[in-house]
Amino acid sequence: MWRYLIISLFFFFYFQTVQAQEFYQAKNGKKIFTKAGLTDALKKLNKSKEETYVITVDYTIVETITRNDSIINIIEIEFDGKPTRNEKVYAYEHKAFPDFKLRNLNGKKVTQKNLKGKITFINIWFVNCVPCRREMPILNRLKEKYQDKVDFKSITFDKKEAVQNFLKTNEYNYDHLINAKSFLKDELGIKSYPKIMIIDRKGIVSYVGPGIPPTFDKTTKKVLDFTEKDLVYLEAMLDKLLSE
């Protein structure tokens, strides 16, 4: 009798413990995780890193549901990405911009000497780069604000015909230096696009960055259009250099 009672109590407390577990389910998802399973899944996602960009994944509990004496936490997965600054181009910050010989769309030769005496804003891009294309309208507005106070140039590995065809349907009002594949790959060591570089009057690289950081709408899960606010940090650097 005592043996039967002990066995009954064991199974009673066992099933009570199982039913009282907390589970996790992604919003709009079907798979249900235990705490350990969710932790393991996030660890695997957080290990998914590129050489040029690190992605971190976390979650927020947005709703809690009690079902059959179990607690199910409905979660929203949150992604955050940051550039690693592992590319060679970042090592040029506070150093002289390297020697180069490139041509623009008009066939004019441009070299390192042409960058001296005036502050230069450089955008590094290519025709099929979606993030590059997204920031072009706001980069045009930056050029409109500073006019001839700053020399605005772009550098791309694309050839003349590709850039010309692109500009037929896309407004991008910079002086485009083209066919720069070896310079971008071997000299600057760029592996991800876009990039922004600001050069001072002496030809020293004052800033290297990964393009204008996008802003995500957590409600719609979409990237917001760039606004003037997204230019504040670039304008601050240009204004400082102009005042020196």
C-alpha atoms as a PDB file:
ATOM      1  CA  MET A   1       0.000   0.000   0.000  1.00  0.00           C
ATOM      2  CA  TRP A   2       2.741   2.447   0.976  1.00  0.00           C
ATOM      3  CA  ARG A   3       4.628   1.523  -2.158  1.00  0.00           C
ATOM      4  CA  TYR A   4       1.579   2.258  -4.297  1.00  0.00           C
ATOM      5  CA  LEU A   5       1.070   5.607  -2.523  1.00  0.00           C
ATOM      6  CA  ILE A   6       4.684   6.647  -3.047  1.00  0.00           C
ATOM      7  CA  ILE A   7       4.529   5.774  -6.758  1.00  0.00           C
ATOM      8  CA  SER A   8       1.250   7.698  -7.115  1.00  0.00           C
ATOM      9  CA  LEU A   9       2.698  10.779  -5.413  1.00  0.00           C
ATOM     10  CA  PHE A  10       5.785  10.597  -7.644  1.00  0.00           C
ATOM     11  CA  PHE A  11       3.731  10.632 -10.841  1.00  0.00           C
ATOM     12  CA  PHE A  12       1.430  13.351  -9.453  1.00  0.00           C
ATOM     13  CA  PHE A  13       4.330  15.732  -8.696  1.00  0.00           C
ATOM     14  CA  TYR A  14       6.095  14.771 -11.949  1.00  0.00           C
ATOM     15  CA  PHE A  15       3.156  15.701 -14.144  1.00  0.00           C
ATOM     16  CA  GLN A  16       2.466  18.831 -12.101  1.00  0.00           C
ATOM     17  CA  THR A  17       6.074  19.925 -12.692  1.00  0.00           C
ATOM     18  CA  VAL A  18       5.871  19.236 -16.431  1.00  0.00           C
ATOM     19  CA  GLN A  19       2.574  21.078 -16.755  1.00  0.00           C
ATOM     20  CA  ALA A  20       3.938  24.056 -14.832  1.00  0.00           C
ATOM     21  CA  GLN A  21       6.853  24.595 -17.204  1.00  0.00           C
ATOM     22  CA  GLU A  22       7.393  27.840 -19.052  1.00  0.00           C
ATOM     23  CA  PHE A  23       7.510  27.685 -22.828  1.00  0.00           C
ATOM     24  CA  TYR A  24       8.401  30.224 -25.495  1.00  0.00           C
ATOM     25  CA  GLN A  25       6.860  30.789 -28.886  1.00  0.00           C
ATOM     26  CA  ALA A  26       7.832  33.388 -31.460  1.00  0.00           C
ATOM     27  CA  LYS A  27       5.094  35.811 -32.455  1.00  0.00           C
ATOM     28  CA  ASN A  28       3.481  34.486 -35.653  1.00  0.00           C
ATOM     29  CA  GLY A  29       5.568  31.338 -35.257  1.00  0.00           C
ATOM     30  CA  LYS A  30       4.505  27.738 -34.634  1.00  0.00           C
ATOM     31  CA  LYS A  31       7.467  26.113 -32.895  1.00  0.00           C
ATOM     32  CA  ILE A  32       7.387  26.073 -29.098  1.00  0.00           C
ATOM     33  CA  PHE A  33      10.658  26.134 -27.144  1.00  0.00           C
ATOM     34  CA  THR A  34      11.609  25.329 -23.600  1.00  0.00           C
ATOM     35  CA  LYS A  35      13.839  27.898 -21.907  1.00  0.00           C
ATOM     36  CA  ALA A  36      16.879  25.733 -22.626  1.00  0.00           C
ATOM     37  CA  GLY A  37      15.797  25.207 -26.239  1.00  0.00           C
ATOM     38  CA  LEU A  38      15.314  28.939 -26.794  1.00  0.00           C
ATOM     39  CA  THR A  39      18.700  29.733 -25.259  1.00  0.00           C
ATOM     40  CA  ASP A  40      20.346  27.178 -27.527  1.00  0.00           C
ATOM     41  CA  ALA A  41      18.581  28.560 -30.628  1.00  0.00           C
ATOM     42  CA  LEU A  42      19.672  32.110 -29.819  1.00  0.00           C
ATOM     43  CA  LYS A  43      23.259  30.979 -29.271  1.00  0.00           C
ATOM     44  CA  LYS A  44      23.313  29.442 -32.743  1.00  0.00           C
ATOM     45  CA  LEU A  45      21.940  32.631 -34.288  1.00  0.00           C
ATOM     46  CA  ASN A  46      24.425  34.779 -32.400  1.00  0.00           C
ATOM     47  CA  LYS A  47      27.240  32.648 -33.778  1.00  0.00           C
ATOM     48  CA  SER A  48      26.138  33.621 -37.286  1.00  0.00           C
ATOM     49  CA  LYS A  49      28.691  36.366 -37.839  1.00  0.00           C
ATOM     50  CA  GLU A  50      30.261  37.795 -40.951  1.00  0.00           C
ATOM     51  CA  GLU A  51      33.768  39.183 -41.053  1.00  0.00           C
ATOM     52  CA  THR A  52      32.448  42.694 -41.650  1.00  0.00           C
ATOM     53  CA  TYR A  53      29.237  42.634 -39.600  1.00  0.00           C
ATOM     54  CA  VAL A  54      28.196  41.123 -36.270  1.00  0.00           C
ATOM     55  CA  ILE A  55      24.560  40.205 -35.738  1.00  0.00           C
ATOM     56  CA  THR A  56      23.242  39.829 -32.185  1.00  0.00           C
ATOM     57  CA  VAL A  57      19.844  38.283 -31.507  1.00  0.00           C
ATOM     58  CA  ASP A  58      17.683  38.711 -28.413  1.00  0.00           C
ATOM     59  CA  TYR A  59      13.988  38.609 -27.568  1.00  0.00           C
ATOM     60  CA  THR A  60      11.266  40.481 -25.709  1.00  0.00           C
ATOM     61  CA  ILE A  61       8.197  38.876 -24.118  1.00  0.00           C
ATOM     62  CA  VAL A  62       5.153  40.644 -25.583  1.00  0.00           C
ATOM     63  CA  GLU A  63       2.409  38.414 -24.203  1.00  0.00           C
ATOM     64  CA  THR A  64       1.960  35.597 -21.681  1.00  0.00           C
ATOM     65  CA  ILE A  65      -0.641  32.876 -22.158  1.00  0.00           C
ATOM     66  CA  THR A  66      -1.677  30.201 -19.638  1.00  0.00           C
ATOM     67  CA  ARG A  67      -2.672  26.971 -21.347  1.00  0.00           C
ATOM     68  CA  ASN A  68      -3.349  23.657 -19.548  1.00  0.00           C
ATOM     69  CA  ASP A  69      -1.483  24.899 -16.495  1.00  0.00           C
ATOM     70  CA  SER A  70       1.537  25.747 -18.642  1.00  0.00           C
ATOM     71  CA  ILE A  71       2.862  29.252 -19.241  1.00  0.00           C
ATOM     72  CA  ILE A  72       3.601  30.174 -22.852  1.00  0.00           C
ATOM     73  CA  ASN A  73       5.560  33.372 -23.389  1.00  0.00           C
ATOM     74  CA  ILE A  74       4.960  34.934 -26.778  1.00  0.00           C
ATOM     75  CA  ILE A  75       8.215  36.560 -27.816  1.00  0.00           C
ATOM     76  CA  GLU A  76       9.385  39.023 -30.415  1.00  0.00           C
ATOM     77  CA  ILE A  77      12.828  38.343 -31.838  1.00  0.00           C
ATOM     78  CA  GLU A  78      15.091  41.383 -32.000  1.00  0.00           C
ATOM     79  CA  PHE A  79      18.093  41.648 -34.318  1.00  0.00           C
ATOM     80  CA  ASP A  80      20.904  44.154 -33.957  1.00  0.00           C
ATOM     81  CA  GLY A  81      23.843  44.501 -36.298  1.00  0.00           C
ATOM     82  CA  LYS A  82      27.078  46.395 -35.915  1.00  0.00           C
ATOM     83  CA  PRO A  83      30.079  46.739 -38.231  1.00  0.00           C
ATOM     84  CA  THR A  84      33.197  45.011 -36.972  1.00  0.00           C
ATOM     85  CA  ARG A  85      35.695  47.533 -38.410  1.00  0.00           C
ATOM     86  CA  ASN A  86      37.852  44.559 -39.403  1.00  0.00           C
ATOM     87  CA  GLU A  87      38.302  45.764 -42.976  1.00  0.00           C
ATOM     88  CA  LYS A  88      41.601  47.296 -44.009  1.00  0.00           C
ATOM     89  CA  VAL A  89      39.923  50.606 -44.921  1.00  0.00           C
ATOM     90  CA  TYR A  90      39.350  51.447 -41.238  1.00  0.00           C
ATOM     91  CA  ALA A  91      43.114  51.454 -40.635  1.00  0.00           C
ATOM     92  CA  TYR A  92      43.367  54.566 -42.836  1.00  0.00           C
ATOM     93  CA  GLU A  93      41.486  56.675 -40.304  1.00  0.00           C
ATOM     94  CA  HIS A  94      43.753  59.566 -39.196  1.00  0.00           C
ATOM     95  CA  LYS A  95      46.262  58.636 -41.900  1.00  0.00           C
ATOM     96  CA  ALA A  96      46.873  59.912 -45.431  1.00  0.00           C
ATOM     97  CA  PHE A  97      44.453  58.737 -48.072  1.00  0.00           C
ATOM     98  CA  PRO A  98      46.432  56.301 -50.267  1.00  0.00           C
ATOM     99  CA  ASP A  99      47.775  57.124 -53.711  1.00  0.00           C
ATOM    100  CA  PHE A 100      45.448  56.380 -56.599  1.00  0.00           C
ATOM    101  CA  LYS A 101      44.821  57.173 -60.235  1.00  0.00           C
ATOM    102  CA  LEU A 102      41.205  56.955 -61.350  1.00  0.00           C
ATOM    103  CA  ARG A 103      39.016  58.574 -63.953  1.00  0.00           C
ATOM    104  CA  ASN A 104      35.560  60.067 -63.658  1.00  0.00           C
ATOM    105  CA  LEU A 105      32.680  59.692 -66.114  1.00  0.00           C
ATOM    106  CA  ASN A 106      34.078  62.507 -68.259  1.00  0.00           C
ATOM    107  CA  GLY A 107      37.431  60.782 -68.574  1.00  0.00           C
ATOM    108  CA  LYS A 108      39.234  63.249 -66.306  1.00  0.00           C
ATOM    109  CA  LYS A 109      42.096  61.757 -64.300  1.00  0.00           C
ATOM    110  CA  VAL A 110      41.801  62.165 -60.523  1.00  0.00           C
ATOM    111  CA  THR A 111      44.650  61.430 -58.116  1.00  0.00           C
ATOM    112  CA  GLN A 112      45.456  61.837 -54.435  1.00  0.00           C
ATOM    113  CA  LYS A 113      46.782  65.350 -55.147  1.00  0.00           C
ATOM    114  CA  ASN A 114      43.289  66.424 -56.236  1.00  0.00           C
ATOM    115  CA  LEU A 115      41.996  65.705 -52.729  1.00  0.00           C
ATOM    116  CA  LYS A 116      44.274  68.223 -51.039  1.00  0.00           C
ATOM    117  CA  GLY A 117      43.292  71.814 -50.301  1.00  0.00           C
ATOM    118  CA  LYS A 118      39.606  71.045 -49.903  1.00  0.00           C
ATOM    119  CA  ILE A 119      37.506  68.849 -47.639  1.00  0.00           C
ATOM    120  CA  THR A 120      36.402  65.762 -49.554  1.00  0.00           C
ATOM    121  CA  PHE A 121      33.370  63.584 -48.844  1.00  0.00           C
ATOM    122  CA  ILE A 122      33.643  60.139 -50.473  1.00  0.00           C
ATOM    123  CA  ASN A 123      30.856  57.593 -50.861  1.00  0.00           C
ATOM    124  CA  ILE A 124      31.949  54.102 -51.908  1.00  0.00           C
ATOM    125  CA  TRP A 125      29.216  52.096 -53.646  1.00  0.00           C
ATOM    126  CA  PHE A 126      28.194  49.957 -56.627  1.00  0.00           C
ATOM    127  CA  VAL A 127      25.173  49.874 -58.915  1.00  0.00           C
ATOM    128  CA  ASN A 128      23.468  46.741 -57.533  1.00  0.00           C
ATOM    129  CA  CYS A 129      24.035  47.590 -53.860  1.00  0.00           C
ATOM    130  CA  VAL A 130      20.567  48.064 -52.284  1.00  0.00           C
ATOM    131  CA  PRO A 131      21.792  49.885 -49.119  1.00  0.00           C
ATOM    132  CA  CYS A 132      23.868  52.168 -51.361  1.00  0.00           C
ATOM    133  CA  ARG A 133      20.846  53.076 -53.451  1.00  0.00           C
ATOM    134  CA  ARG A 134      18.680  53.733 -50.391  1.00  0.00           C
ATOM    135  CA  GLU A 135      20.978  56.442 -49.042  1.00  0.00           C
ATOM    136  CA  MET A 136      21.545  58.292 -52.322  1.00  0.00           C
ATOM    137  CA  PRO A 137      18.615  60.753 -51.936  1.00  0.00           C
ATOM    138  CA  ILE A 138      19.826  61.896 -48.517  1.00  0.00           C
ATOM    139  CA  LEU A 139      23.432  62.056 -49.743  1.00  0.00           C
ATOM    140  CA  ASN A 140      22.248  64.334 -52.542  1.00  0.00           C
ATOM    141  CA  ARG A 141      20.695  66.607 -49.928  1.00  0.00           C
ATOM    142  CA  LEU A 142      24.003  66.724 -48.075  1.00  0.00           C
ATOM    143  CA  LYS A 143      25.679  67.909 -51.262  1.00  0.00           C
ATOM    144  CA  GLU A 144      22.944  70.510 -51.831  1.00  0.00           C
ATOM    145  CA  LYS A 145      23.581  71.937 -48.366  1.00  0.00           C
ATOM    146  CA  TYR A 146      27.365  72.312 -48.653  1.00  0.00           C
ATOM    147  CA  GLN A 147      27.585  73.024 -52.398  1.00  0.00           C
ATOM    148  CA  ASP A 148      31.196  73.823 -53.355  1.00  0.00           C
ATOM    149  CA  LYS A 149      32.416  74.087 -49.741  1.00  0.00           C
ATOM    150  CA  VAL A 150      33.010  70.328 -49.835  1.00  0.00           C
ATOM    151  CA  ASP A 151      34.130  68.169 -52.744  1.00  0.00           C
ATOM    152  CA  PHE A 152      31.636  65.294 -53.068  1.00  0.00           C
ATOM    153  CA  LYS A 153      32.946  62.209 -54.847  1.00  0.00           C
ATOM    154  CA  SER A 154      31.874  58.612 -55.236  1.00  0.00           C
ATOM    155  CA  ILE A 155      34.093  55.614 -56.000  1.00  0.00           C
ATOM    156  CA  THR A 156      32.781  52.419 -57.559  1.00  0.00           C
ATOM    157  CA  PHE A 157      34.209  49.306 -59.181  1.00  0.00           C
ATOM    158  CA  ASP A 158      31.479  49.510 -61.832  1.00  0.00           C
ATOM    159  CA  LYS A 159      32.480  50.427 -65.359  1.00  0.00           C
ATOM    160  CA  LYS A 160      31.500  53.593 -67.187  1.00  0.00           C
ATOM    161  CA  GLU A 161      28.555  52.146 -69.114  1.00  0.00           C
ATOM    162  CA  ALA A 162      26.985  50.565 -66.014  1.00  0.00           C
ATOM    163  CA  VAL A 163      27.173  53.834 -64.055  1.00  0.00           C
ATOM    164  CA  GLN A 164      25.837  55.881 -66.954  1.00  0.00           C
ATOM    165  CA  ASN A 165      22.871  53.540 -67.401  1.00  0.00           C
ATOM    166  CA  PHE A 166      22.190  53.669 -63.671  1.00  0.00           C
ATOM    167  CA  LEU A 167      22.201  57.478 -63.621  1.00  0.00           C
ATOM    168  CA  LYS A 168      19.575  57.601 -66.390  1.00  0.00           C
ATOM    169  CA  THR A 169      16.948  56.508 -63.861  1.00  0.00           C
ATOM    170  CA  ASN A 170      18.597  57.361 -60.528  1.00  0.00           C
ATOM    171  CA  GLU A 171      19.659  60.791 -59.313  1.00  0.00           C
ATOM    172  CA  TYR A 172      23.087  60.754 -57.735  1.00  0.00           C
ATOM    173  CA  ASN A 173      24.834  64.116 -58.055  1.00  0.00           C
ATOM    174  CA  TYR A 174      28.421  63.271 -57.133  1.00  0.00           C
ATOM    175  CA  ASP A 175      31.617  63.237 -59.194  1.00  0.00           C
ATOM    176  CA  HIS A 176      31.808  59.496 -59.945  1.00  0.00           C
ATOM    177  CA  LEU A 177      35.210  57.806 -60.063  1.00  0.00           C
ATOM    178  CA  ILE A 178      34.726  54.531 -61.908  1.00  0.00           C
ATOM    179  CA  ASN A 179      36.369  51.195 -62.677  1.00  0.00           C
ATOM    180  CA  ALA A 180      38.163  51.194 -59.310  1.00  0.00           C
ATOM    181  CA  LYS A 181      38.014  47.456 -58.582  1.00  0.00           C
ATOM    182  CA  SER A 182      41.692  46.894 -57.800  1.00  0.00           C
ATOM    183  CA  PHE A 183      41.969  50.100 -55.756  1.00  0.00           C
ATOM    184  CA  LEU A 184      38.918  49.279 -53.625  1.00  0.00           C
ATOM    185  CA  LYS A 185      39.831  45.628 -53.139  1.00  0.00           C
ATOM    186  CA  ASP A 186      43.606  45.683 -52.844  1.00  0.00           C
ATOM    187  CA  GLU A 187      44.452  49.148 -51.542  1.00  0.00           C
ATOM    188  CA  LEU A 188      41.434  50.013 -49.376  1.00  0.00           C
ATOM    189  CA  GLY A 189      40.551  46.374 -48.626  1.00  0.00           C
ATOM    190  CA  ILE A 190      36.787  46.971 -48.757  1.00  0.00           C
ATOM    191  CA  LYS A 191      34.576  43.901 -48.404  1.00  0.00           C
ATOM    192  CA  SER A 192      31.170  45.435 -47.650  1.00  0.00           C
ATOM    193  CA  TYR A 193      29.281  48.383 -49.083  1.00  0.00           C
ATOM    194  CA  PRO A 194      28.493  51.256 -48.768  1.00  0.00           C
ATOM    195  CA  LYS A 195      31.325  53.115 -47.087  1.00  0.00           C
ATOM    196  CA  ILE A 196      31.756  56.796 -46.251  1.00  0.00           C
ATOM    197  CA  MET A 197      35.121  58.521 -45.944  1.00  0.00           C
ATOM    198  CA  ILE A 198      35.799  62.161 -45.057  1.00  0.00           C
ATOM    199  CA  ILE A 199      39.179  63.651 -45.997  1.00  0.00           C
ATOM    200  CA  ASP A 200      40.521  66.896 -44.532  1.00  0.00           C
ATOM    201  CA  ARG A 201      42.306  69.660 -46.463  1.00  0.00           C
ATOM    202  CA  LYS A 202      45.693  68.026 -45.944  1.00  0.00           C
ATOM    203  CA  GLY A 203      44.558  64.718 -47.458  1.00  0.00           C
ATOM    204  CA  ILE A 204      44.236  62.976 -44.080  1.00  0.00           C
ATOM    205  CA  VAL A 205      41.318  60.594 -43.553  1.00  0.00           C
ATOM    206  CA  SER A 206      39.250  62.130 -40.765  1.00  0.00           C
ATOM    207  CA  TYR A 207      36.467  59.535 -40.730  1.00  0.00           C
ATOM    208  CA  VAL A 208      35.648  56.074 -42.076  1.00  0.00           C
ATOM    209  CA  GLY A 209      32.148  54.659 -41.648  1.00  0.00           C
ATOM    210  CA  PRO A 210      29.851  51.931 -43.005  1.00  0.00           C
ATOM    211  CA  GLY A 211      27.312  54.209 -44.677  1.00  0.00           C
ATOM    212  CA  ILE A 212      24.395  55.934 -42.964  1.00  0.00           C
ATOM    213  CA  PRO A 213      22.996  53.622 -40.234  1.00  0.00           C
ATOM    214  CA  PRO A 214      19.405  52.552 -41.041  1.00  0.00           C
ATOM    215  CA  THR A 215      16.551  52.978 -38.559  1.00  0.00           C
ATOM    216  CA  PHE A 216      14.070  50.113 -38.135  1.00  0.00           C
ATOM    217  CA  ASP A 217      10.411  50.523 -37.218  1.00  0.00           C
ATOM    218  CA  LYS A 218       9.763  47.850 -34.593  1.00  0.00           C
ATOM    219  CA  THR A 219       6.041  47.876 -35.349  1.00  0.00           C
ATOM    220  CA  THR A 220       6.158  47.465 -39.122  1.00  0.00           C
ATOM    221  CA  LYS A 221       9.535  45.670 -39.179  1.00  0.00           C
ATOM    222  CA  LYS A 222      10.587  47.908 -42.045  1.00  0.00           C
ATOM    223  CA  VAL A 223      13.552  50.182 -42.624  1.00  0.00           C
ATOM    224  CA  LEU A 224      12.497  53.827 -42.384  1.00  0.00           C
ATOM    225  CA  ASP A 225      13.363  56.368 -45.042  1.00  0.00           C
ATOM    226  CA  PHE A 226      16.325  58.571 -44.194  1.00  0.00           C
ATOM    227  CA  THR A 227      15.616  62.087 -42.937  1.00  0.00           C
ATOM    228  CA  GLU A 228      17.689  65.180 -42.151  1.00  0.00           C
ATOM    229  CA  LYS A 229      18.200  63.811 -38.638  1.00  0.00           C
ATOM    230  CA  ASP A 230      20.270  60.975 -40.088  1.00  0.00           C
ATOM    231  CA  LEU A 231      22.769  63.519 -41.421  1.00  0.00           C
ATOM    232  CA  VAL A 232      23.472  65.249 -38.109  1.00  0.00           C
ATOM    233  CA  TYR A 233      26.624  63.274 -37.274  1.00  0.00           C
ATOM    234  CA  LEU A 234      28.062  63.764 -40.784  1.00  0.00           C
ATOM    235  CA  GLU A 235      27.239  67.480 -40.776  1.00  0.00           C
ATOM    236  CA  ALA A 236      28.935  67.866 -37.382  1.00  0.00           C
ATOM    237  CA  MET A 237      32.170  66.396 -38.753  1.00  0.00           C
ATOM    238  CA  LEU A 238      32.052  68.495 -41.923  1.00  0.00           C
ATOM    239  CA  ASP A 239      31.308  71.679 -39.963  1.00  0.00           C
ATOM    240  CA  LYS A 240      34.227  70.991 -37.633  1.00  0.00           C
ATOM    241  CA  LEU A 241      36.648  70.509 -40.528  1.00  0.00           C
ATOM    242  CA  LEU A 242      35.347  73.601 -42.289  1.00  0.00           C
ATOM    243  CA  SER A 243      35.942  75.699 -39.174  1.00  0.00           C
ATOM    244  CA  GLU A 244      39.563  74.603 -38.786  1.00  0.00           C
END
